[in-house]
């Protein structure tokens, strides 16, 4: 009977040593990076940009696996239920923290079922219109919406996304009736906006920016507190008559709960090194984002704070779980 504690201690030591060896060997095979949205949107662009550099740094494959559906929950759930060895990760957008506020059945715990690796980037939203819409400012847009209540639709990348809530905030503050049209990601919404199937689009600078610069959409305002360097000519909503308006999309990288600390540290450190390279910073500035970074612990705190903030906005907008 007295030998049992010793055996238990030896077993625990063996497990710890195996975990340590696994962490030292990491990465020893391809990493699957799930993007829970279609190709072409902001989440996809960010993952592919960082994933390529990660593959080059570690001389491995980083496979970007697009798994869209259910406002990002399908792809995210795949990672939540994966082996927590660091070879399955997912990049989520800010809508992730609003799932409990919008859906009665969420297949995972938004915080506890994941290991938070690092915050990636943030990007404000642009409020855009198709060039055929006869408005050139937020003031003119509000006037048109009041004259045609319930007829102007704006495309969004999914329910609970930052662009959805930015639209809801504008509706509430301006007292206008505009209709959100959710898509399975920002890419399909952008395509319909360019084609004129929807007159308005609220989308990140990352996704809509190149189209705006190409003249296919007209940006009326940016949703950040201050003008954004990449779109310095576009006024803020604060300047357009809505003081204090601030809404940005952000992205974070997560894995399943229970990932080894050493593996998390390796991923966090390498991504931080990649994001601080001058050419990478230039690339992300070009597409309208800024790096967040930080430790895994700071990522958890960030998620919790954002969940508290945006759940209040959703409640104020009258959004209820469905």
C-alpha atoms as a PDB file:
ATOM      1  CA  UNK A   1       0.000   0.000   0.000  1.00  0.00           C
ATOM      2  CA  UNK A   2       2.857   2.374   0.748  1.00  0.00           C
ATOM      3  CA  UNK A   3       4.213   1.977  -2.782  1.00  0.00           C
ATOM      4  CA  UNK A   4       1.120   3.529  -4.377  1.00  0.00           C
ATOM      5  CA  UNK A   5       2.091   7.215  -3.817  1.00  0.00           C
ATOM      6  CA  UNK A   6       5.509   6.516  -5.297  1.00  0.00           C
ATOM      7  CA  UNK A   7       3.970   4.860  -8.343  1.00  0.00           C
ATOM      8  CA  UNK A   8       1.585   7.769  -8.773  1.00  0.00           C
ATOM      9  CA  UNK A   9       4.441  10.254  -8.545  1.00  0.00           C
ATOM     10  CA  UNK A  10       6.448   8.306 -11.118  1.00  0.00           C
ATOM     11  CA  UNK A  11       3.456   8.191 -13.460  1.00  0.00           C
ATOM     12  CA  UNK A  12       2.882  11.926 -13.136  1.00  0.00           C
ATOM     13  CA  UNK A  13       6.565  12.587 -13.745  1.00  0.00           C
ATOM     14  CA  UNK A  14       6.456  10.419 -16.871  1.00  0.00           C
ATOM     15  CA  UNK A  15       3.466  12.360 -18.192  1.00  0.00           C
ATOM     16  CA  UNK A  16       5.209  15.652 -17.505  1.00  0.00           C
ATOM     17  CA  UNK A  17       8.387  14.481 -19.231  1.00  0.00           C
ATOM     18  CA  UNK A  18       6.424  13.287 -22.271  1.00  0.00           C
ATOM     19  CA  UNK A  19       4.637  16.622 -22.473  1.00  0.00           C
ATOM     20  CA  UNK A  20       7.964  18.442 -22.198  1.00  0.00           C
ATOM     21  CA  UNK A  21       9.509  16.350 -24.972  1.00  0.00           C
ATOM     22  CA  UNK A  22       6.458  16.947 -27.164  1.00  0.00           C
ATOM     23  CA  UNK A  23       6.699  20.687 -26.579  1.00  0.00           C
ATOM     24  CA  UNK A  24      10.420  20.686 -27.417  1.00  0.00           C
ATOM     25  CA  UNK A  25       9.715  18.816 -30.672  1.00  0.00           C
ATOM     26  CA  UNK A  26       6.900  21.170 -31.634  1.00  0.00           C
ATOM     27  CA  UNK A  27       6.209  21.745 -34.441  1.00  0.00           C
ATOM     28  CA  UNK A  28       6.928  18.340 -35.955  1.00  0.00           C
ATOM     29  CA  UNK A  29       4.144  18.280 -38.571  1.00  0.00           C
ATOM     30  CA  UNK A  30       1.717  20.490 -40.443  1.00  0.00           C
ATOM     31  CA  UNK A  31      -0.462  22.930 -38.507  1.00  0.00           C
ATOM     32  CA  UNK A  32      -4.108  23.210 -39.493  1.00  0.00           C
ATOM     33  CA  UNK A  33      -5.270  26.798 -39.161  1.00  0.00           C
ATOM     34  CA  UNK A  34      -9.048  26.905 -39.419  1.00  0.00           C
ATOM     35  CA  UNK A  35     -10.728  30.026 -40.746  1.00  0.00           C
ATOM     36  CA  UNK A  36     -14.423  29.773 -39.823  1.00  0.00           C
ATOM     37  CA  UNK A  37     -15.451  32.011 -42.736  1.00  0.00           C
ATOM     38  CA  UNK A  38     -15.287  31.790 -46.557  1.00  0.00           C
ATOM     39  CA  UNK A  39     -12.131  32.670 -48.541  1.00  0.00           C
ATOM     40  CA  UNK A  40     -11.583  36.312 -49.432  1.00  0.00           C
ATOM     41  CA  UNK A  41     -12.799  37.959 -46.227  1.00  0.00           C
ATOM     42  CA  UNK A  42     -10.774  39.711 -43.540  1.00  0.00           C
ATOM     43  CA  UNK A  43     -10.288  36.636 -41.340  1.00  0.00           C
ATOM     44  CA  UNK A  44      -9.030  34.656 -44.324  1.00  0.00           C
ATOM     45  CA  UNK A  45      -6.601  37.370 -45.488  1.00  0.00           C
ATOM     46  CA  UNK A  46      -5.115  37.744 -42.006  1.00  0.00           C
ATOM     47  CA  UNK A  47      -4.698  33.990 -41.476  1.00  0.00           C
ATOM     48  CA  UNK A  48      -3.055  33.451 -44.859  1.00  0.00           C
ATOM     49  CA  UNK A  49      -0.655  36.355 -44.385  1.00  0.00           C
ATOM     50  CA  UNK A  50       0.548  35.185 -40.971  1.00  0.00           C
ATOM     51  CA  UNK A  51       0.314  31.478 -41.832  1.00  0.00           C
ATOM     52  CA  UNK A  52       2.668  31.866 -44.801  1.00  0.00           C
ATOM     53  CA  UNK A  53       5.309  33.556 -42.640  1.00  0.00           C
ATOM     54  CA  UNK A  54       4.877  30.939 -39.902  1.00  0.00           C
ATOM     55  CA  UNK A  55       5.383  28.144 -42.439  1.00  0.00           C
ATOM     56  CA  UNK A  56       8.566  29.810 -43.715  1.00  0.00           C
ATOM     57  CA  UNK A  57       9.932  30.367 -40.195  1.00  0.00           C
ATOM     58  CA  UNK A  58       9.353  26.782 -39.027  1.00  0.00           C
ATOM     59  CA  UNK A  59       9.808  25.015 -42.375  1.00  0.00           C
ATOM     60  CA  UNK A  60       6.461  23.244 -42.091  1.00  0.00           C
ATOM     61  CA  UNK A  61       3.090  23.396 -43.790  1.00  0.00           C
ATOM     62  CA  UNK A  62       0.460  25.722 -42.360  1.00  0.00           C
ATOM     63  CA  UNK A  63      -2.800  24.608 -43.960  1.00  0.00           C
ATOM     64  CA  UNK A  64      -5.509  27.261 -44.077  1.00  0.00           C
ATOM     65  CA  UNK A  65      -8.795  25.376 -43.805  1.00  0.00           C
ATOM     66  CA  UNK A  66     -11.926  27.436 -44.508  1.00  0.00           C
ATOM     67  CA  UNK A  67     -14.942  26.050 -42.614  1.00  0.00           C
ATOM     68  CA  UNK A  68     -17.710  28.682 -42.861  1.00  0.00           C
ATOM     69  CA  UNK A  69     -21.205  28.526 -41.395  1.00  0.00           C
ATOM     70  CA  UNK A  70     -23.301  29.452 -38.361  1.00  0.00           C
ATOM     71  CA  UNK A  71     -21.558  32.824 -37.937  1.00  0.00           C
ATOM     72  CA  UNK A  72     -18.207  31.128 -37.472  1.00  0.00           C
ATOM     73  CA  UNK A  73     -19.361  28.525 -34.958  1.00  0.00           C
ATOM     74  CA  UNK A  74     -18.927  25.482 -37.236  1.00  0.00           C
ATOM     75  CA  UNK A  75     -15.210  25.960 -37.819  1.00  0.00           C
ATOM     76  CA  UNK A  76     -14.573  27.165 -34.288  1.00  0.00           C
ATOM     77  CA  UNK A  77     -16.301  24.113 -32.824  1.00  0.00           C
ATOM     78  CA  UNK A  78     -14.031  21.809 -34.845  1.00  0.00           C
ATOM     79  CA  UNK A  79     -11.023  23.269 -33.040  1.00  0.00           C
ATOM     80  CA  UNK A  80     -12.768  23.240 -29.648  1.00  0.00           C
ATOM     81  CA  UNK A  81     -13.138  19.474 -30.020  1.00  0.00           C
ATOM     82  CA  UNK A  82      -9.662  18.818 -31.489  1.00  0.00           C
ATOM     83  CA  UNK A  83      -6.681  17.259 -29.713  1.00  0.00           C
ATOM     84  CA  UNK A  84      -4.977  20.081 -27.758  1.00  0.00           C
ATOM     85  CA  UNK A  85      -1.508  19.465 -29.165  1.00  0.00           C
ATOM     86  CA  UNK A  86      -1.007  22.770 -30.986  1.00  0.00           C
ATOM     87  CA  UNK A  87      -1.647  21.387 -34.466  1.00  0.00           C
ATOM     88  CA  UNK A  88      -5.210  22.693 -34.726  1.00  0.00           C
ATOM     89  CA  UNK A  89      -5.840  26.411 -34.221  1.00  0.00           C
ATOM     90  CA  UNK A  90      -8.556  28.839 -35.231  1.00  0.00           C
ATOM     91  CA  UNK A  91      -8.629  32.565 -35.807  1.00  0.00           C
ATOM     92  CA  UNK A  92     -11.844  34.147 -34.587  1.00  0.00           C
ATOM     93  CA  UNK A  93     -13.306  37.576 -35.130  1.00  0.00           C
ATOM     94  CA  UNK A  94     -14.915  39.775 -32.504  1.00  0.00           C
ATOM     95  CA  UNK A  95     -18.315  38.178 -33.199  1.00  0.00           C
ATOM     96  CA  UNK A  96     -17.036  35.135 -31.267  1.00  0.00           C
ATOM     97  CA  UNK A  97     -17.682  36.805 -27.916  1.00  0.00           C
ATOM     98  CA  UNK A  98     -21.274  37.623 -28.872  1.00  0.00           C
ATOM     99  CA  UNK A  99     -22.413  34.100 -29.677  1.00  0.00           C
ATOM    100  CA  UNK A 100     -24.016  33.594 -26.235  1.00  0.00           C
ATOM    101  CA  UNK A 101     -25.977  36.831 -26.696  1.00  0.00           C
ATOM    102  CA  UNK A 102     -27.309  35.882 -30.125  1.00  0.00           C
ATOM    103  CA  UNK A 103     -27.758  32.109 -30.128  1.00  0.00           C
ATOM    104  CA  UNK A 104     -29.601  29.864 -27.692  1.00  0.00           C
ATOM    105  CA  UNK A 105     -27.454  26.873 -28.594  1.00  0.00           C
ATOM    106  CA  UNK A 106     -23.722  27.494 -28.827  1.00  0.00           C
ATOM    107  CA  UNK A 107     -21.772  24.213 -29.161  1.00  0.00           C
ATOM    108  CA  UNK A 108     -18.902  25.399 -26.977  1.00  0.00           C
ATOM    109  CA  UNK A 109     -18.104  27.649 -24.042  1.00  0.00           C
ATOM    110  CA  UNK A 110     -16.856  30.854 -25.652  1.00  0.00           C
ATOM    111  CA  UNK A 111     -14.007  31.290 -23.160  1.00  0.00           C
ATOM    112  CA  UNK A 112     -13.370  28.063 -21.254  1.00  0.00           C
ATOM    113  CA  UNK A 113     -13.269  25.606 -24.169  1.00  0.00           C
ATOM    114  CA  UNK A 114     -10.249  27.304 -25.724  1.00  0.00           C
ATOM    115  CA  UNK A 115      -6.601  28.089 -25.120  1.00  0.00           C
ATOM    116  CA  UNK A 116      -5.986  31.728 -25.991  1.00  0.00           C
ATOM    117  CA  UNK A 117      -2.700  32.085 -27.878  1.00  0.00           C
ATOM    118  CA  UNK A 118      -2.398  35.721 -28.961  1.00  0.00           C
ATOM    119  CA  UNK A 119      -4.418  38.700 -30.152  1.00  0.00           C
ATOM    120  CA  UNK A 120      -3.703  39.311 -33.817  1.00  0.00           C
ATOM    121  CA  UNK A 121      -4.930  42.590 -35.313  1.00  0.00           C
ATOM    122  CA  UNK A 122      -7.762  45.079 -35.204  1.00  0.00           C
ATOM    123  CA  UNK A 123      -9.438  47.064 -37.956  1.00  0.00           C
ATOM    124  CA  UNK A 124     -12.131  49.729 -37.913  1.00  0.00           C
ATOM    125  CA  UNK A 125     -15.171  49.427 -40.141  1.00  0.00           C
ATOM    126  CA  UNK A 126     -15.952  51.528 -43.179  1.00  0.00           C
ATOM    127  CA  UNK A 127     -19.521  52.557 -43.892  1.00  0.00           C
ATOM    128  CA  UNK A 128     -19.740  52.225 -47.652  1.00  0.00           C
ATOM    129  CA  UNK A 129     -22.344  52.655 -50.371  1.00  0.00           C
ATOM    130  CA  UNK A 130     -22.557  51.582 -53.983  1.00  0.00           C
ATOM    131  CA  UNK A 131     -21.658  54.529 -56.276  1.00  0.00           C
ATOM    132  CA  UNK A 132     -25.210  54.459 -57.670  1.00  0.00           C
ATOM    133  CA  UNK A 133     -26.642  55.525 -54.291  1.00  0.00           C
ATOM    134  CA  UNK A 134     -26.969  59.348 -54.387  1.00  0.00           C
ATOM    135  CA  UNK A 135     -25.210  60.091 -51.092  1.00  0.00           C
ATOM    136  CA  UNK A 136     -21.705  61.356 -50.351  1.00  0.00           C
ATOM    137  CA  UNK A 137     -21.782  61.774 -46.572  1.00  0.00           C
ATOM    138  CA  UNK A 138     -23.296  60.214 -43.476  1.00  0.00           C
ATOM    139  CA  UNK A 139     -25.584  63.235 -43.188  1.00  0.00           C
ATOM    140  CA  UNK A 140     -26.960  62.568 -46.683  1.00  0.00           C
ATOM    141  CA  UNK A 141     -27.265  58.839 -45.942  1.00  0.00           C
ATOM    142  CA  UNK A 142     -29.271  59.516 -42.784  1.00  0.00           C
ATOM    143  CA  UNK A 143     -31.549  61.910 -44.682  1.00  0.00           C
ATOM    144  CA  UNK A 144     -32.151  59.301 -47.401  1.00  0.00           C
ATOM    145  CA  UNK A 145     -32.823  56.563 -44.825  1.00  0.00           C
ATOM    146  CA  UNK A 146     -35.372  58.758 -43.058  1.00  0.00           C
ATOM    147  CA  UNK A 147     -37.070  59.500 -46.360  1.00  0.00           C
ATOM    148  CA  UNK A 148     -37.167  55.783 -47.263  1.00  0.00           C
ATOM    149  CA  UNK A 149     -37.566  53.931 -43.939  1.00  0.00           C
ATOM    150  CA  UNK A 150     -37.101  50.164 -44.054  1.00  0.00           C
ATOM    151  CA  UNK A 151     -35.859  50.104 -47.649  1.00  0.00           C
ATOM    152  CA  UNK A 152     -32.087  50.550 -47.339  1.00  0.00           C
ATOM    153  CA  UNK A 153     -30.199  47.329 -46.596  1.00  0.00           C
ATOM    154  CA  UNK A 154     -26.615  46.980 -45.441  1.00  0.00           C
ATOM    155  CA  UNK A 155     -24.539  43.835 -45.870  1.00  0.00           C
ATOM    156  CA  UNK A 156     -22.706  42.351 -42.906  1.00  0.00           C
ATOM    157  CA  UNK A 157     -20.322  39.426 -42.485  1.00  0.00           C
ATOM    158  CA  UNK A 158     -22.608  37.666 -40.012  1.00  0.00           C
ATOM    159  CA  UNK A 159     -24.912  38.231 -37.058  1.00  0.00           C
ATOM    160  CA  UNK A 160     -23.077  39.677 -34.082  1.00  0.00           C
ATOM    161  CA  UNK A 161     -20.086  40.838 -36.113  1.00  0.00           C
ATOM    162  CA  UNK A 162     -18.608  44.240 -35.341  1.00  0.00           C
ATOM    163  CA  UNK A 163     -20.044  45.566 -38.603  1.00  0.00           C
ATOM    164  CA  UNK A 164     -23.494  44.332 -37.593  1.00  0.00           C
ATOM    165  CA  UNK A 165     -23.298  46.083 -34.231  1.00  0.00           C
ATOM    166  CA  UNK A 166     -21.813  49.215 -35.818  1.00  0.00           C
ATOM    167  CA  UNK A 167     -24.913  49.325 -38.019  1.00  0.00           C
ATOM    168  CA  UNK A 168     -27.192  48.780 -35.047  1.00  0.00           C
ATOM    169  CA  UNK A 169     -25.460  51.582 -33.147  1.00  0.00           C
ATOM    170  CA  UNK A 170     -25.890  53.913 -36.130  1.00  0.00           C
ATOM    171  CA  UNK A 171     -29.565  52.951 -36.435  1.00  0.00           C
ATOM    172  CA  UNK A 172     -30.142  53.733 -32.777  1.00  0.00           C
ATOM    173  CA  UNK A 173     -28.221  57.009 -32.662  1.00  0.00           C
ATOM    174  CA  UNK A 174     -29.518  58.350 -35.979  1.00  0.00           C
ATOM    175  CA  UNK A 175     -33.045  57.022 -35.423  1.00  0.00           C
ATOM    176  CA  UNK A 176     -33.200  55.427 -38.863  1.00  0.00           C
ATOM    177  CA  UNK A 177     -34.592  52.115 -40.089  1.00  0.00           C
ATOM    178  CA  UNK A 178     -31.968  50.308 -42.179  1.00  0.00           C
ATOM    179  CA  UNK A 179     -31.983  46.540 -42.611  1.00  0.00           C
ATOM    180  CA  UNK A 180     -28.982  44.268 -41.857  1.00  0.00           C
ATOM    181  CA  UNK A 181     -28.441  41.478 -44.394  1.00  0.00           C
ATOM    182  CA  UNK A 182     -26.194  38.773 -42.894  1.00  0.00           C
ATOM    183  CA  UNK A 183     -23.863  36.752 -45.117  1.00  0.00           C
ATOM    184  CA  UNK A 184     -21.659  33.735 -44.419  1.00  0.00           C
ATOM    185  CA  UNK A 185     -18.608  35.958 -44.163  1.00  0.00           C
ATOM    186  CA  UNK A 186     -17.450  39.336 -45.397  1.00  0.00           C
ATOM    187  CA  UNK A 187     -16.352  38.056 -48.832  1.00  0.00           C
ATOM    188  CA  UNK A 188     -19.865  37.236 -50.157  1.00  0.00           C
ATOM    189  CA  UNK A 189     -21.260  40.491 -48.707  1.00  0.00           C
ATOM    190  CA  UNK A 190     -18.548  42.459 -50.479  1.00  0.00           C
ATOM    191  CA  UNK A 191     -19.308  40.766 -53.808  1.00  0.00           C
ATOM    192  CA  UNK A 192     -23.000  41.694 -53.595  1.00  0.00           C
ATOM    193  CA  UNK A 193     -22.179  45.276 -52.608  1.00  0.00           C
ATOM    194  CA  UNK A 194     -19.833  45.700 -55.565  1.00  0.00           C
ATOM    195  CA  UNK A 195     -22.491  44.233 -57.858  1.00  0.00           C
ATOM    196  CA  UNK A 196     -25.160  46.600 -56.525  1.00  0.00           C
ATOM    197  CA  UNK A 197     -27.352  43.831 -55.097  1.00  0.00           C
ATOM    198  CA  UNK A 198     -27.226  45.700 -51.781  1.00  0.00           C
ATOM    199  CA  UNK A 199     -26.897  49.504 -51.577  1.00  0.00           C
ATOM    200  CA  UNK A 200     -24.820  49.647 -48.382  1.00  0.00           C
ATOM    201  CA  UNK A 201     -21.975  47.745 -46.779  1.00  0.00           C
ATOM    202  CA  UNK A 202     -20.428  48.030 -43.332  1.00  0.00           C
ATOM    203  CA  UNK A 203     -17.152  46.179 -43.389  1.00  0.00           C
ATOM    204  CA  UNK A 204     -13.585  46.366 -42.127  1.00  0.00           C
ATOM    205  CA  UNK A 205     -10.876  48.374 -43.828  1.00  0.00           C
ATOM    206  CA  UNK A 206      -9.096  45.045 -44.331  1.00  0.00           C
ATOM    207  CA  UNK A 207     -11.856  43.657 -46.512  1.00  0.00           C
ATOM    208  CA  UNK A 208     -13.552  46.681 -48.084  1.00  0.00           C
ATOM    209  CA  UNK A 209     -10.494  48.929 -48.226  1.00  0.00           C
ATOM    210  CA  UNK A 210      -9.041  47.778 -51.573  1.00  0.00           C
ATOM    211  CA  UNK A 211     -12.482  48.032 -53.189  1.00  0.00           C
ATOM    212  CA  UNK A 212     -12.939  51.556 -51.848  1.00  0.00           C
ATOM    213  CA  UNK A 213      -9.508  52.585 -53.102  1.00  0.00           C
ATOM    214  CA  UNK A 214     -10.409  51.058 -56.471  1.00  0.00           C
ATOM    215  CA  UNK A 215     -13.536  53.210 -56.711  1.00  0.00           C
ATOM    216  CA  UNK A 216     -16.018  50.342 -56.738  1.00  0.00           C
ATOM    217  CA  UNK A 217     -17.530  51.444 -53.406  1.00  0.00           C
ATOM    218  CA  UNK A 218     -17.740  54.873 -51.770  1.00  0.00           C
ATOM    219  CA  UNK A 219     -16.701  55.183 -48.122  1.00  0.00           C
ATOM    220  CA  UNK A 220     -18.755  57.675 -46.136  1.00  0.00           C
ATOM    221  CA  UNK A 221     -17.196  57.225 -42.690  1.00  0.00           C
ATOM    222  CA  UNK A 222     -14.829  55.141 -40.578  1.00  0.00           C
ATOM    223  CA  UNK A 223     -16.016  53.767 -37.224  1.00  0.00           C
ATOM    224  CA  UNK A 224     -12.820  54.380 -35.199  1.00  0.00           C
ATOM    225  CA  UNK A 225     -12.487  57.295 -32.760  1.00  0.00           C
ATOM    226  CA  UNK A 226      -9.830  58.970 -34.875  1.00  0.00           C
ATOM    227  CA  UNK A 227      -9.257  59.010 -38.614  1.00  0.00           C
ATOM    228  CA  UNK A 228      -7.447  55.935 -39.823  1.00  0.00           C
ATOM    229  CA  UNK A 229      -4.055  56.469 -41.447  1.00  0.00           C
ATOM    230  CA  UNK A 230      -4.785  54.255 -44.454  1.00  0.00           C
ATOM    231  CA  UNK A 231      -8.006  56.191 -45.143  1.00  0.00           C
ATOM    232  CA  UNK A 232      -7.117  59.637 -43.883  1.00  0.00           C
ATOM    233  CA  UNK A 233      -9.563  61.288 -46.286  1.00  0.00           C
ATOM    234  CA  UNK A 234     -12.546  59.431 -44.784  1.00  0.00           C
ATOM    235  CA  UNK A 235     -14.167  61.230 -41.816  1.00  0.00           C
ATOM    236  CA  UNK A 236     -15.047  59.480 -38.575  1.00  0.00           C
ATOM    237  CA  UNK A 237     -18.618  59.040 -37.379  1.00  0.00           C
ATOM    238  CA  UNK A 238     -17.631  61.301 -34.494  1.00  0.00           C
ATOM    239  CA  UNK A 239     -16.928  64.053 -37.046  1.00  0.00           C
ATOM    240  CA  UNK A 240     -20.129  63.178 -38.878  1.00  0.00           C
ATOM    241  CA  UNK A 241     -22.408  64.034 -35.978  1.00  0.00           C
ATOM    242  CA  UNK A 242     -22.162  61.006 -33.689  1.00  0.00           C
ATOM    243  CA  UNK A 243     -19.719  61.883 -30.883  1.00  0.00           C
ATOM    244  CA  UNK A 244     -17.794  59.027 -29.267  1.00  0.00           C
ATOM    245  CA  UNK A 245     -18.767  56.427 -31.883  1.00  0.00           C
ATOM    246  CA  UNK A 246     -16.123  53.667 -31.781  1.00  0.00           C
ATOM    247  CA  UNK A 247     -16.442  50.169 -33.223  1.00  0.00           C
ATOM    248  CA  UNK A 248     -13.594  48.016 -34.475  1.00  0.00           C
ATOM    249  CA  UNK A 249     -13.272  44.420 -35.585  1.00  0.00           C
ATOM    250  CA  UNK A 250     -10.502  42.366 -34.014  1.00  0.00           C
ATOM    251  CA  UNK A 251      -9.069  38.889 -34.477  1.00  0.00           C
ATOM    252  CA  UNK A 252      -7.467  36.448 -32.065  1.00  0.00           C
ATOM    253  CA  UNK A 253      -5.812  33.043 -32.376  1.00  0.00           C
ATOM    254  CA  UNK A 254      -6.996  30.143 -30.212  1.00  0.00           C
ATOM    255  CA  UNK A 255      -6.577  26.407 -29.850  1.00  0.00           C
ATOM    256  CA  UNK A 256      -8.486  23.774 -27.871  1.00  0.00           C
ATOM    257  CA  UNK A 257      -8.503  24.018 -24.080  1.00  0.00           C
ATOM    258  CA  UNK A 258      -5.568  22.248 -22.462  1.00  0.00           C
ATOM    259  CA  UNK A 259      -2.776  23.046 -24.911  1.00  0.00           C
ATOM    260  CA  UNK A 260       0.711  22.641 -23.349  1.00  0.00           C
ATOM    261  CA  UNK A 261       2.043  25.939 -22.036  1.00  0.00           C
ATOM    262  CA  UNK A 262       5.352  25.549 -23.864  1.00  0.00           C
ATOM    263  CA  UNK A 263       3.551  25.046 -27.176  1.00  0.00           C
ATOM    264  CA  UNK A 264       1.381  28.116 -26.555  1.00  0.00           C
ATOM    265  CA  UNK A 265       4.495  30.114 -25.675  1.00  0.00           C
ATOM    266  CA  UNK A 266       6.242  29.013 -28.889  1.00  0.00           C
ATOM    267  CA  UNK A 267       3.284  30.046 -31.026  1.00  0.00           C
ATOM    268  CA  UNK A 268       2.856  33.332 -29.186  1.00  0.00           C
ATOM    269  CA  UNK A 269       6.553  34.228 -29.432  1.00  0.00           C
ATOM    270  CA  UNK A 270       6.902  33.314 -33.112  1.00  0.00           C
ATOM    271  CA  UNK A 271       3.761  35.169 -34.182  1.00  0.00           C
ATOM    272  CA  UNK A 272       4.902  38.217 -32.209  1.00  0.00           C
ATOM    273  CA  UNK A 273       8.277  38.065 -33.983  1.00  0.00           C
ATOM    274  CA  UNK A 274       6.544  37.769 -37.371  1.00  0.00           C
ATOM    275  CA  UNK A 275       4.173  40.643 -36.682  1.00  0.00           C
ATOM    276  CA  UNK A 276       7.029  42.949 -35.685  1.00  0.00           C
ATOM    277  CA  UNK A 277       8.886  42.454 -38.974  1.00  0.00           C
ATOM    278  CA  UNK A 278       8.868  45.682 -40.981  1.00  0.00           C
ATOM    279  CA  UNK A 279       7.537  44.107 -44.183  1.00  0.00           C
ATOM    280  CA  UNK A 280       4.699  42.405 -42.288  1.00  0.00           C
ATOM    281  CA  UNK A 281       3.776  45.626 -40.521  1.00  0.00           C
ATOM    282  CA  UNK A 282       3.765  47.391 -43.890  1.00  0.00           C
ATOM    283  CA  UNK A 283       1.505  44.705 -45.351  1.00  0.00           C
ATOM    284  CA  UNK A 284      -1.010  44.948 -42.516  1.00  0.00           C
ATOM    285  CA  UNK A 285      -0.964  48.749 -42.607  1.00  0.00           C
ATOM    286  CA  UNK A 286      -1.690  48.498 -46.327  1.00  0.00           C
ATOM    287  CA  UNK A 287      -4.836  46.456 -45.684  1.00  0.00           C
ATOM    288  CA  UNK A 288      -5.913  48.725 -42.837  1.00  0.00           C
ATOM    289  CA  UNK A 289      -5.106  46.837 -39.648  1.00  0.00           C
ATOM    290  CA  UNK A 290      -2.918  47.383 -36.606  1.00  0.00           C
ATOM    291  CA  UNK A 291      -1.249  44.710 -34.467  1.00  0.00           C
ATOM    292  CA  UNK A 292      -2.622  43.979 -31.000  1.00  0.00           C
ATOM    293  CA  UNK A 293      -0.267  41.264 -29.693  1.00  0.00           C
ATOM    294  CA  UNK A 294       0.295  40.575 -26.005  1.00  0.00           C
ATOM    295  CA  UNK A 295       0.545  37.483 -23.825  1.00  0.00           C
ATOM    296  CA  UNK A 296      -1.943  34.590 -23.737  1.00  0.00           C
ATOM    297  CA  UNK A 297      -3.141  35.871 -20.361  1.00  0.00           C
ATOM    298  CA  UNK A 298      -3.784  39.299 -21.845  1.00  0.00           C
ATOM    299  CA  UNK A 299      -5.714  37.655 -24.668  1.00  0.00           C
ATOM    300  CA  UNK A 300      -8.066  35.969 -22.181  1.00  0.00           C
ATOM    301  CA  UNK A 301      -8.619  39.273 -20.363  1.00  0.00           C
ATOM    302  CA  UNK A 302      -9.274  41.032 -23.685  1.00  0.00           C
ATOM    303  CA  UNK A 303     -11.898  38.441 -24.675  1.00  0.00           C
ATOM    304  CA  UNK A 304     -13.685  38.752 -21.337  1.00  0.00           C
ATOM    305  CA  UNK A 305     -13.744  42.573 -21.498  1.00  0.00           C
ATOM    306  CA  UNK A 306     -15.058  42.564 -25.078  1.00  0.00           C
ATOM    307  CA  UNK A 307     -17.752  40.034 -24.187  1.00  0.00           C
ATOM    308  CA  UNK A 308     -18.993  42.276 -21.382  1.00  0.00           C
ATOM    309  CA  UNK A 309     -18.915  45.409 -23.589  1.00  0.00           C
ATOM    310  CA  UNK A 310     -20.657  44.042 -26.667  1.00  0.00           C
ATOM    311  CA  UNK A 311     -23.263  41.985 -24.855  1.00  0.00           C
ATOM    312  CA  UNK A 312     -24.515  45.287 -23.428  1.00  0.00           C
ATOM    313  CA  UNK A 313     -24.625  46.800 -26.927  1.00  0.00           C
ATOM    314  CA  UNK A 314     -26.537  43.774 -28.234  1.00  0.00           C
ATOM    315  CA  UNK A 315     -29.022  44.052 -25.382  1.00  0.00           C
ATOM    316  CA  UNK A 316     -29.491  47.772 -26.000  1.00  0.00           C
ATOM    317  CA  UNK A 317     -30.094  47.058 -29.698  1.00  0.00           C
ATOM    318  CA  UNK A 318     -32.806  44.556 -28.769  1.00  0.00           C
ATOM    319  CA  UNK A 319     -30.902  41.566 -30.139  1.00  0.00           C
ATOM    320  CA  UNK A 320     -32.015  38.349 -28.455  1.00  0.00           C
ATOM    321  CA  UNK A 321     -30.784  34.745 -28.629  1.00  0.00           C
ATOM    322  CA  UNK A 322     -32.494  32.783 -31.398  1.00  0.00           C
END
